[in-house]
Structure formats: C-alpha cells, structure tokens
Amino acid sequence: MERAVTLATGDPEVSVIVLRGAGRAFCAGYNFGDGFHQWDEHITTDGQWDPGKDFALATSRINSPTHQLFSIWRTHKPVIAQVHGWCVGGGSDFALGADIVIASDDAVIGTPYSRMWGSYLSGMWLYRLGLTRAKEYALTGKALTGTEAAEMELINASVPFAELESTVADMASQLAAIPLSQLAAMKLVVNQAYENMGLSNTQTLGPILDGLMRNTPDAHRFIDLAENEGVRAVIRERDGGFADYSQAPRDRQPIPEHVIIP
C-alpha cells in the first residue's frame, strides 16, 4: 500500500488518489486467519507473545502497519476513500485516514475490537467525531451504516451503491481541476492543525494498547473459545448483546450483491 501511494505521489500525471476495496467489502480489518501467526516473526519469540517486539513494531515509523497505511495522510495529493460493504476494525482506521470518505448507504463502519482484542490505531475516529460521540463509539464499538456515518459527520457523504463510483469519480474530477500546488497547500494546513492536536502521539499510543489488549486474560479466553468452538461462537458472544455486525438484522448488513469489480 505504501509503495503504491509513493508511486502515485511521484507520478506527475496523478492529481487525485482513489482508494477502494475489491469484491464485497472495502476492508474487513486485519487478517486474523491462521491465528494471527503470519505476524509471529514480528511479535513473538519461541511461540509466545513478545511485548518488546510488539512495541518495537507498533512504534516504528518504517515498519508499523498503521504508519504504512497512513501514507494516504502524508501524501500531498488528495485521497478519496470509496467505501462499500464492510469497513471495520483496522479497515475503518485506514479509510478514515483519507481526506474525503464517501460510502454506500448500506456500508457498515465500526470497530468491533472496542469490545475485545484491540484499540484505536490511527485515532481518526477520535479526530473526526466530537468528544461526546467519540467516547460513545470508543466504549461500545457500535456499528454504523454508511447513511448513519454521514449523518454523524464521521464521513463526508453516503449515496446509494449504484451511484457510489460515479459520485467518487465526480469528486475526483472536481479536485483534479484545481492546481496540485493549491491542493497540497490546503491539505497541509488542515493536516498540520490535527498534527498539532497530538495525532502522532495518539498513533504511537494506540498500537501499543492494541498489542496489550490482544494479550490480556480475557483476550486469551477469547482465542481459546474461537479455537475450541469456532469463530462464530466468539462473535455471537462479543456482538450478540448489541445485535450488530454479523449479528445484525439483514437490513443493517451490507448487501452481498454489492460488489466492486477492479
């Protein structure tokens, strides 16, 4: 991802970057398949969680996944996130780092890790919401549809899925008509205001807490339950009381037929 952003940033023919997911979702979060063992080299020693390694990865400006994905914030070119389907967990942290976020009405945005096994990573839920809403969604991890996220001003707009690509294309065309130096100046001044509010510090603390929350006694029980009874069992336990995400009624889940073809 970071390499792609670097290439687009250096390409004089590119004025605007559009970020979108392929298939049925923008991004369903970090890949926890195979028990998260694909990260063993970076966060474990002799098969056990190594807090020193995890801390080093989480805070690295070079290797940290959060900082690599946040290259969309650092590029001087405007980035539009085109969100459809599931946009949850680390996927929502990623999308909200874009300059403009436009979602389909039936998209679902949220941080189920607020309830178990994680912490805010990019901090953009905090900076895009006011204190009242930020506390509510940090503590509950409740899901939002695209329509609700737009009404709450977490994102810029929500449109019917059939209009999503054309709406994003229209916005990109409008931005591309503005001189790039002007776009870069306006992005920089807004970004700098949020940097001055401690964005970088938040992105240092968040991934450290995320590592800790993946290794509490409750988190270990969560993993044991998933291994012994299956992922569906822990999802029911985590989300059943809130009746959201995969436990939500069908009208509060993304429509499976809404697919983005690369």
C-alpha atoms as a PDB file:
ATOM      1  CA  MET A   1       0.000   0.000   0.000  1.00  0.00           C
ATOM      2  CA  GLU A   2       2.718   2.425   0.970  1.00  0.00           C
ATOM      3  CA  ARG A   3       4.643   1.628  -2.232  1.00  0.00           C
ATOM      4  CA  ALA A   4       1.542   2.304  -4.316  1.00  0.00           C
ATOM      5  CA  VAL A   5       0.988   5.660  -2.601  1.00  0.00           C
ATOM      6  CA  THR A   6       4.642   6.552  -3.124  1.00  0.00           C
ATOM      7  CA  LEU A   7       4.376   5.756  -6.838  1.00  0.00           C
ATOM      8  CA  ALA A   8       1.177   7.775  -7.217  1.00  0.00           C
ATOM      9  CA  THR A   9       2.690  10.667  -5.289  1.00  0.00           C
ATOM     10  CA  GLY A  10       5.675  10.778  -7.624  1.00  0.00           C
ATOM     11  CA  ASP A  11       3.650  10.443 -10.827  1.00  0.00           C
ATOM     12  CA  PRO A  12       3.076  13.873 -12.401  1.00  0.00           C
ATOM     13  CA  GLU A  13       0.033  12.508 -14.250  1.00  0.00           C
ATOM     14  CA  VAL A  14      -1.759  11.738 -10.962  1.00  0.00           C
ATOM     15  CA  SER A  15      -3.658  14.535  -9.236  1.00  0.00           C
ATOM     16  CA  VAL A  16      -6.028  12.556  -7.009  1.00  0.00           C
ATOM     17  CA  ILE A  17      -5.804   9.085  -5.434  1.00  0.00           C
ATOM     18  CA  VAL A  18      -8.949   6.977  -5.075  1.00  0.00           C
ATOM     19  CA  LEU A  19      -8.808   4.197  -2.503  1.00  0.00           C
ATOM     20  CA  ARG A  20     -11.334   1.393  -2.823  1.00  0.00           C
ATOM     21  CA  GLY A  21     -11.780  -2.269  -1.973  1.00  0.00           C
ATOM     22  CA  ALA A  22     -12.406  -5.095  -4.420  1.00  0.00           C
ATOM     23  CA  GLY A  23     -15.192  -7.628  -4.096  1.00  0.00           C
ATOM     24  CA  ARG A  24     -17.816  -7.428  -1.345  1.00  0.00           C
ATOM     25  CA  ALA A  25     -16.015  -5.127   1.106  1.00  0.00           C
ATOM     26  CA  PHE A  26     -13.778  -2.120   1.404  1.00  0.00           C
ATOM     27  CA  CYS A  27     -11.811  -3.868   4.168  1.00  0.00           C
ATOM     28  CA  ALA A  28     -12.885  -6.277   6.909  1.00  0.00           C
ATOM     29  CA  GLY A  29      -9.876  -5.403   9.066  1.00  0.00           C
ATOM     30  CA  TYR A  30      -6.557  -7.069   9.745  1.00  0.00           C
ATOM     31  CA  ASN A  31      -6.218 -10.709   8.743  1.00  0.00           C
ATOM     32  CA  PHE A  32      -6.574 -12.875  11.845  1.00  0.00           C
ATOM     33  CA  GLY A  33      -6.714 -16.068   9.821  1.00  0.00           C
ATOM     34  CA  ASP A  34      -4.410 -18.871  10.955  1.00  0.00           C
ATOM     35  CA  GLY A  35      -4.438 -17.484  14.478  1.00  0.00           C
ATOM     36  CA  PHE A  36      -2.532 -14.323  13.561  1.00  0.00           C
ATOM     37  CA  HIS A  37       0.604 -16.472  13.121  1.00  0.00           C
ATOM     38  CA  GLN A  38       1.600 -14.611   9.975  1.00  0.00           C
ATOM     39  CA  TRP A  39       2.819 -11.923  12.414  1.00  0.00           C
ATOM     40  CA  ASP A  40       4.929 -14.317  14.523  1.00  0.00           C
ATOM     41  CA  GLU A  41       8.245 -13.042  13.196  1.00  0.00           C
ATOM     42  CA  HIS A  42       7.375  -9.546  14.354  1.00  0.00           C
ATOM     43  CA  ILE A  43       5.582 -10.048  17.678  1.00  0.00           C
ATOM     44  CA  THR A  44       6.510 -13.440  19.161  1.00  0.00           C
ATOM     45  CA  THR A  45       9.580 -15.275  20.483  1.00  0.00           C
ATOM     46  CA  ASP A  46       9.580 -19.075  20.748  1.00  0.00           C
ATOM     47  CA  GLY A  47       5.864 -19.100  20.054  1.00  0.00           C
ATOM     48  CA  GLN A  48       4.980 -16.666  22.850  1.00  0.00           C
ATOM     49  CA  TRP A  49       3.931 -13.041  22.581  1.00  0.00           C
ATOM     50  CA  ASP A  50       6.953 -10.798  22.966  1.00  0.00           C
ATOM     51  CA  PRO A  51       5.839  -7.357  24.223  1.00  0.00           C
ATOM     52  CA  GLY A  52       9.223  -5.882  23.339  1.00  0.00           C
ATOM     53  CA  LYS A  53       8.915  -6.948  19.708  1.00  0.00           C
ATOM     54  CA  ASP A  54       5.291  -5.857  19.534  1.00  0.00           C
ATOM     55  CA  PHE A  55       6.164  -2.461  20.985  1.00  0.00           C
ATOM     56  CA  ALA A  56       9.032  -2.021  18.512  1.00  0.00           C
ATOM     57  CA  LEU A  57       6.809  -2.857  15.542  1.00  0.00           C
ATOM     58  CA  ALA A  58       3.902  -0.737  16.780  1.00  0.00           C
ATOM     59  CA  THR A  59       6.032   2.392  17.155  1.00  0.00           C
ATOM     60  CA  SER A  60       8.268   2.000  14.079  1.00  0.00           C
ATOM     61  CA  ARG A  61       7.849   4.803  11.562  1.00  0.00           C
ATOM     62  CA  ILE A  62       9.158   2.434   8.891  1.00  0.00           C
ATOM     63  CA  ASN A  63       7.509  -0.938   9.558  1.00  0.00           C
ATOM     64  CA  SER A  64       4.406  -0.180  11.619  1.00  0.00           C
ATOM     65  CA  PRO A  65       1.290  -1.177   9.638  1.00  0.00           C
ATOM     66  CA  THR A  66      -0.539   1.873  10.975  1.00  0.00           C
ATOM     67  CA  HIS A  67       2.156   4.245   9.755  1.00  0.00           C
ATOM     68  CA  GLN A  68       2.465   2.467   6.404  1.00  0.00           C
ATOM     69  CA  LEU A  69      -1.283   2.656   5.775  1.00  0.00           C
ATOM     70  CA  PHE A  70      -1.288   6.272   6.920  1.00  0.00           C
ATOM     71  CA  SER A  71       0.843   7.141   3.907  1.00  0.00           C
ATOM     72  CA  ILE A  72      -2.502   8.287   2.459  1.00  0.00           C
ATOM     73  CA  TRP A  73      -2.449  11.068   5.057  1.00  0.00           C
ATOM     74  CA  ARG A  74       1.174  12.021   4.390  1.00  0.00           C
ATOM     75  CA  THR A  75       0.992  12.235   0.603  1.00  0.00           C
ATOM     76  CA  HIS A  76       0.470  15.812  -0.556  1.00  0.00           C
ATOM     77  CA  LYS A  77      -2.126  14.629  -3.063  1.00  0.00           C
ATOM     78  CA  PRO A  78      -5.788  14.366  -2.033  1.00  0.00           C
ATOM     79  CA  VAL A  79      -7.088  10.866  -1.286  1.00  0.00           C
ATOM     80  CA  ILE A  80     -10.734   9.818  -1.593  1.00  0.00           C
ATOM     81  CA  ALA A  81     -11.848   6.615   0.141  1.00  0.00           C
ATOM     82  CA  GLN A  82     -14.667   4.882  -1.723  1.00  0.00           C
ATOM     83  CA  VAL A  83     -16.255   2.673   0.941  1.00  0.00           C
ATOM     84  CA  HIS A  84     -18.666  -0.187   0.328  1.00  0.00           C
ATOM     85  CA  GLY A  85     -19.605  -3.339   2.209  1.00  0.00           C
ATOM     86  CA  TRP A  86     -17.731  -3.957   5.448  1.00  0.00           C
ATOM     87  CA  CYS A  87     -15.333  -1.259   6.631  1.00  0.00           C
ATOM     88  CA  VAL A  88     -14.486  -2.485  10.095  1.00  0.00           C
ATOM     89  CA  GLY A  89     -11.658  -2.781  12.590  1.00  0.00           C
ATOM     90  CA  GLY A  90      -8.331  -1.725  11.127  1.00  0.00           C
ATOM     91  CA  GLY A  91     -10.157  -1.183   7.833  1.00  0.00           C
ATOM     92  CA  SER A  92     -12.075   1.719   9.333  1.00  0.00           C
ATOM     93  CA  ASP A  93      -8.898   3.163  10.865  1.00  0.00           C
ATOM     94  CA  PHE A  94      -7.416   3.015   7.359  1.00  0.00           C
ATOM     95  CA  ALA A  95     -10.373   4.525   5.468  1.00  0.00           C
ATOM     96  CA  LEU A  96     -10.767   7.430   7.875  1.00  0.00           C
ATOM     97  CA  GLY A  97      -7.191   8.492   7.155  1.00  0.00           C
ATOM     98  CA  ALA A  98      -8.283   9.575   3.690  1.00  0.00           C
ATOM     99  CA  ASP A  99      -9.049  13.223   3.007  1.00  0.00           C
ATOM    100  CA  ILE A 100     -12.596  12.594   1.798  1.00  0.00           C
ATOM    101  CA  VAL A 101     -14.664   9.492   2.609  1.00  0.00           C
ATOM    102  CA  ILE A 102     -17.723   8.584   0.543  1.00  0.00           C
ATOM    103  CA  ALA A 103     -19.643   5.392   1.345  1.00  0.00           C
ATOM    104  CA  SER A 104     -22.578   3.448   0.013  1.00  0.00           C
ATOM    105  CA  ASP A 105     -25.689   3.697   2.144  1.00  0.00           C
ATOM    106  CA  ASP A 106     -25.518   0.005   3.090  1.00  0.00           C
ATOM    107  CA  ALA A 107     -21.826   0.014   4.049  1.00  0.00           C
ATOM    108  CA  VAL A 108     -21.105  -0.902   7.663  1.00  0.00           C
ATOM    109  CA  ILE A 109     -18.386   1.006   9.519  1.00  0.00           C
ATOM    110  CA  GLY A 110     -17.252   0.178  13.025  1.00  0.00           C
ATOM    111  CA  THR A 111     -14.624  -1.051  15.444  1.00  0.00           C
ATOM    112  CA  PRO A 112     -15.740  -4.356  16.977  1.00  0.00           C
ATOM    113  CA  TYR A 113     -12.280  -4.570  18.550  1.00  0.00           C
ATOM    114  CA  SER A 114     -13.502  -1.914  21.012  1.00  0.00           C
ATOM    115  CA  ARG A 115     -15.209  -4.827  22.798  1.00  0.00           C
ATOM    116  CA  MET A 116     -12.332  -7.284  22.659  1.00  0.00           C
ATOM    117  CA  TRP A 117      -8.850  -7.681  21.225  1.00  0.00           C
ATOM    118  CA  GLY A 118      -7.794  -4.219  20.175  1.00  0.00           C
ATOM    119  CA  SER A 119      -7.623  -0.459  20.410  1.00  0.00           C
ATOM    120  CA  TYR A 120      -7.942   2.532  18.098  1.00  0.00           C
ATOM    121  CA  LEU A 121      -4.922   2.575  15.797  1.00  0.00           C
ATOM    122  CA  SER A 122      -4.953   5.688  13.601  1.00  0.00           C
ATOM    123  CA  GLY A 123      -7.053   7.716  16.037  1.00  0.00           C
ATOM    124  CA  MET A 124      -9.202   9.097  13.236  1.00  0.00           C
ATOM    125  CA  TRP A 125     -12.435   8.051  14.934  1.00  0.00           C
ATOM    126  CA  LEU A 126     -11.471  10.498  17.676  1.00  0.00           C
ATOM    127  CA  TYR A 127     -10.499  13.355  15.420  1.00  0.00           C
ATOM    128  CA  ARG A 128     -13.467  13.044  13.080  1.00  0.00           C
ATOM    129  CA  LEU A 129     -16.043  12.874  15.907  1.00  0.00           C
ATOM    130  CA  GLY A 130     -16.582  15.275  18.784  1.00  0.00           C
ATOM    131  CA  LEU A 131     -15.938  14.198  22.369  1.00  0.00           C
ATOM    132  CA  THR A 132     -19.491  13.015  23.051  1.00  0.00           C
ATOM    133  CA  ARG A 133     -19.696  10.677  20.079  1.00  0.00           C
ATOM    134  CA  ALA A 134     -16.033   9.661  20.256  1.00  0.00           C
ATOM    135  CA  LYS A 135     -16.455   8.386  23.815  1.00  0.00           C
ATOM    136  CA  GLU A 136     -19.666   6.536  22.947  1.00  0.00           C
ATOM    137  CA  TYR A 137     -18.190   4.682  19.987  1.00  0.00           C
ATOM    138  CA  ALA A 138     -14.814   4.081  21.633  1.00  0.00           C
ATOM    139  CA  LEU A 139     -16.510   2.417  24.583  1.00  0.00           C
ATOM    140  CA  THR A 140     -19.181   0.462  22.701  1.00  0.00           C
ATOM    141  CA  GLY A 141     -17.733  -0.243  19.260  1.00  0.00           C
ATOM    142  CA  LYS A 142     -21.241   0.071  17.839  1.00  0.00           C
ATOM    143  CA  ALA A 143     -21.643  -0.284  14.084  1.00  0.00           C
ATOM    144  CA  LEU A 144     -22.808   2.492  11.785  1.00  0.00           C
ATOM    145  CA  THR A 145     -24.339   2.195   8.347  1.00  0.00           C
ATOM    146  CA  GLY A 146     -22.946   4.466   5.656  1.00  0.00           C
ATOM    147  CA  THR A 147     -26.058   6.638   5.975  1.00  0.00           C
ATOM    148  CA  GLU A 148     -25.611   6.977   9.750  1.00  0.00           C
ATOM    149  CA  ALA A 149     -21.886   7.687   9.448  1.00  0.00           C
ATOM    150  CA  ALA A 150     -22.608  10.541   7.035  1.00  0.00           C
ATOM    151  CA  GLU A 151     -25.370  11.961   9.236  1.00  0.00           C
ATOM    152  CA  MET A 152     -22.949  11.925  12.171  1.00  0.00           C
ATOM    153  CA  GLU A 153     -20.254  13.555  10.006  1.00  0.00           C
ATOM    154  CA  LEU A 154     -17.807  10.714  10.578  1.00  0.00           C
ATOM    155  CA  ILE A 155     -17.591  10.591   6.778  1.00  0.00           C
ATOM    156  CA  ASN A 156     -18.341  13.140   4.067  1.00  0.00           C
ATOM    157  CA  ALA A 157     -21.244  11.524   2.248  1.00  0.00           C
ATOM    158  CA  SER A 158     -23.306   8.398   1.733  1.00  0.00           C
ATOM    159  CA  VAL A 159     -25.041   7.506  -1.513  1.00  0.00           C
ATOM    160  CA  PRO A 160     -26.887   4.511  -2.980  1.00  0.00           C
ATOM    161  CA  PHE A 161     -24.441   1.825  -4.086  1.00  0.00           C
ATOM    162  CA  ALA A 162     -25.406   2.293  -7.740  1.00  0.00           C
ATOM    163  CA  GLU A 163     -24.211   5.911  -7.521  1.00  0.00           C
ATOM    164  CA  LEU A 164     -21.052   5.314  -5.473  1.00  0.00           C
ATOM    165  CA  GLU A 165     -18.467   5.040  -8.239  1.00  0.00           C
ATOM    166  CA  SER A 166     -19.865   7.933 -10.257  1.00  0.00           C
ATOM    167  CA  THR A 167     -20.085  10.153  -7.161  1.00  0.00           C
ATOM    168  CA  VAL A 168     -16.457   9.442  -6.299  1.00  0.00           C
ATOM    169  CA  ALA A 169     -15.405   9.977  -9.913  1.00  0.00           C
ATOM    170  CA  ASP A 170     -17.182  13.333  -9.986  1.00  0.00           C
ATOM    171  CA  MET A 171     -15.449  14.423  -6.777  1.00  0.00           C
ATOM    172  CA  ALA A 172     -12.081  13.290  -8.127  1.00  0.00           C
ATOM    173  CA  SER A 173     -12.675  15.236 -11.353  1.00  0.00           C
ATOM    174  CA  GLN A 174     -13.520  18.393  -9.415  1.00  0.00           C
ATOM    175  CA  LEU A 175     -10.355  18.101  -7.348  1.00  0.00           C
ATOM    176  CA  ALA A 176      -8.231  17.322 -10.411  1.00  0.00           C
ATOM    177  CA  ALA A 177      -9.337  20.610 -11.964  1.00  0.00           C
ATOM    178  CA  ILE A 178      -7.631  22.519  -9.127  1.00  0.00           C
ATOM    179  CA  PRO A 179      -3.855  23.144  -9.367  1.00  0.00           C
ATOM    180  CA  LEU A 180      -1.981  20.468  -7.451  1.00  0.00           C
ATOM    181  CA  SER A 181       0.066  23.024  -5.552  1.00  0.00           C
ATOM    182  CA  GLN A 182      -3.168  24.573  -4.279  1.00  0.00           C
ATOM    183  CA  LEU A 183      -4.497  21.154  -3.199  1.00  0.00           C
ATOM    184  CA  ALA A 184      -1.201  20.364  -1.463  1.00  0.00           C
ATOM    185  CA  ALA A 185      -1.211  23.665   0.418  1.00  0.00           C
ATOM    186  CA  MET A 186      -4.769  23.234   1.678  1.00  0.00           C
ATOM    187  CA  LYS A 187      -4.204  19.601   2.668  1.00  0.00           C
ATOM    188  CA  LEU A 188      -1.034  20.556   4.528  1.00  0.00           C
ATOM    189  CA  VAL A 189      -2.619  23.340   6.563  1.00  0.00           C
ATOM    190  CA  VAL A 190      -5.534  21.113   7.644  1.00  0.00           C
ATOM    191  CA  ASN A 191      -3.283  18.156   8.413  1.00  0.00           C
ATOM    192  CA  GLN A 192      -0.936  20.347  10.402  1.00  0.00           C
ATOM    193  CA  ALA A 193      -3.778  21.560  12.585  1.00  0.00           C
ATOM    194  CA  TYR A 194      -4.543  17.951  13.564  1.00  0.00           C
ATOM    195  CA  GLU A 195      -0.868  17.109  13.989  1.00  0.00           C
ATOM    196  CA  ASN A 196      -0.735  19.999  16.460  1.00  0.00           C
ATOM    197  CA  MET A 197      -3.613  18.348  18.343  1.00  0.00           C
ATOM    198  CA  GLY A 198      -1.420  15.325  19.007  1.00  0.00           C
ATOM    199  CA  LEU A 199      -2.311  12.994  16.150  1.00  0.00           C
ATOM    200  CA  SER A 200       1.183  11.479  16.023  1.00  0.00           C
ATOM    201  CA  ASN A 201       1.168  10.810  19.775  1.00  0.00           C
ATOM    202  CA  THR A 202      -2.230   9.132  19.515  1.00  0.00           C
ATOM    203  CA  GLN A 203      -0.905   6.895  16.738  1.00  0.00           C
ATOM    204  CA  THR A 204       2.011   5.902  18.954  1.00  0.00           C
ATOM    205  CA  LEU A 205      -0.151   5.033  21.955  1.00  0.00           C
ATOM    206  CA  GLY A 206      -2.982   3.303  20.073  1.00  0.00           C
ATOM    207  CA  PRO A 207      -0.957   0.438  18.525  1.00  0.00           C
ATOM    208  CA  ILE A 208       0.849  -0.155  21.847  1.00  0.00           C
ATOM    209  CA  LEU A 209      -2.501  -0.530  23.624  1.00  0.00           C
ATOM    210  CA  ASP A 210      -3.710  -2.724  20.767  1.00  0.00           C
ATOM    211  CA  GLY A 211      -0.883  -5.183  21.483  1.00  0.00           C
ATOM    212  CA  LEU A 212      -1.672  -5.207  25.180  1.00  0.00           C
ATOM    213  CA  MET A 213      -5.382  -5.776  24.576  1.00  0.00           C
ATOM    214  CA  ARG A 214      -4.598  -8.801  22.407  1.00  0.00           C
ATOM    215  CA  ASN A 215      -2.840 -10.436  25.345  1.00  0.00           C
ATOM    216  CA  THR A 216      -4.987  -9.931  28.432  1.00  0.00           C
ATOM    217  CA  PRO A 217      -6.566 -12.938  30.222  1.00  0.00           C
ATOM    218  CA  ASP A 218      -9.887 -12.022  28.603  1.00  0.00           C
ATOM    219  CA  ALA A 219      -8.232 -11.912  25.187  1.00  0.00           C
ATOM    220  CA  HIS A 220      -6.647 -15.333  25.712  1.00  0.00           C
ATOM    221  CA  ARG A 221     -10.030 -16.750  26.723  1.00  0.00           C
ATOM    222  CA  PHE A 222     -11.475 -15.175  23.564  1.00  0.00           C
ATOM    223  CA  ILE A 223      -8.911 -17.003  21.427  1.00  0.00           C
ATOM    224  CA  ASP A 224      -9.373 -20.280  23.291  1.00  0.00           C
ATOM    225  CA  LEU A 225     -13.113 -20.097  22.685  1.00  0.00           C
ATOM    226  CA  ALA A 226     -12.541 -19.388  18.991  1.00  0.00           C
ATOM    227  CA  GLU A 227     -10.200 -22.372  18.683  1.00  0.00           C
ATOM    228  CA  ASN A 228     -12.452 -24.750  20.612  1.00  0.00           C
ATOM    229  CA  GLU A 229     -15.907 -23.666  19.475  1.00  0.00           C
ATOM    230  CA  GLY A 230     -15.219 -21.676  16.314  1.00  0.00           C
ATOM    231  CA  VAL A 231     -15.148 -18.026  15.340  1.00  0.00           C
ATOM    232  CA  ARG A 232     -18.934 -17.820  15.136  1.00  0.00           C
ATOM    233  CA  ALA A 233     -19.154 -18.639  18.841  1.00  0.00           C
ATOM    234  CA  VAL A 234     -16.945 -15.743  19.928  1.00  0.00           C
ATOM    235  CA  ILE A 235     -18.642 -13.365  17.504  1.00  0.00           C
ATOM    236  CA  ARG A 236     -22.017 -14.254  18.985  1.00  0.00           C
ATOM    237  CA  GLU A 237     -20.650 -13.651  22.472  1.00  0.00           C
ATOM    238  CA  ARG A 238     -18.986 -10.360  21.533  1.00  0.00           C
ATOM    239  CA  ASP A 239     -21.707  -8.809  19.388  1.00  0.00           C
ATOM    240  CA  GLY A 240     -24.914 -10.592  20.343  1.00  0.00           C
ATOM    241  CA  GLY A 241     -25.878  -8.119  23.054  1.00  0.00           C
ATOM    242  CA  PHE A 242     -25.503  -5.235  20.619  1.00  0.00           C
ATOM    243  CA  ALA A 243     -27.206  -7.006  17.698  1.00  0.00           C
ATOM    244  CA  ASP A 244     -24.795  -5.564  15.162  1.00  0.00           C
ATOM    245  CA  TYR A 245     -22.142  -6.595  12.635  1.00  0.00           C
ATOM    246  CA  SER A 246     -22.825 -10.234  11.640  1.00  0.00           C
ATOM    247  CA  GLN A 247     -25.450 -10.467  14.415  1.00  0.00           C
ATOM    248  CA  ALA A 248     -27.462  -7.577  12.954  1.00  0.00           C
ATOM    249  CA  PRO A 249     -30.720  -7.896  11.001  1.00  0.00           C
ATOM    250  CA  ARG A 250     -30.164  -8.182   7.257  1.00  0.00           C
ATOM    251  CA  ASP A 251     -31.195  -4.556   6.678  1.00  0.00           C
ATOM    252  CA  ARG A 252     -28.236  -3.438   8.823  1.00  0.00           C
ATOM    253  CA  GLN A 253     -25.676  -5.550   6.989  1.00  0.00           C
ATOM    254  CA  PRO A 254     -24.070  -4.828   3.611  1.00  0.00           C
ATOM    255  CA  ILE A 255     -25.955  -6.213   0.638  1.00  0.00           C
ATOM    256  CA  PRO A 256     -23.853  -9.168  -0.595  1.00  0.00           C
ATOM    257  CA  GLU A 257     -24.640  -8.463  -4.241  1.00  0.00           C
ATOM    258  CA  HIS A 258     -22.992  -5.046  -4.000  1.00  0.00           C
ATOM    259  CA  VAL A 259     -19.606  -5.930  -5.423  1.00  0.00           C
ATOM    260  CA  ILE A 260     -16.822  -3.702  -6.753  1.00  0.00           C
ATOM    261  CA  ILE A 261     -15.014  -5.159  -9.777  1.00  0.00           C
ATOM    262  CA  PRO A 262     -11.365  -3.986 -10.035  1.00  0.00           C
END
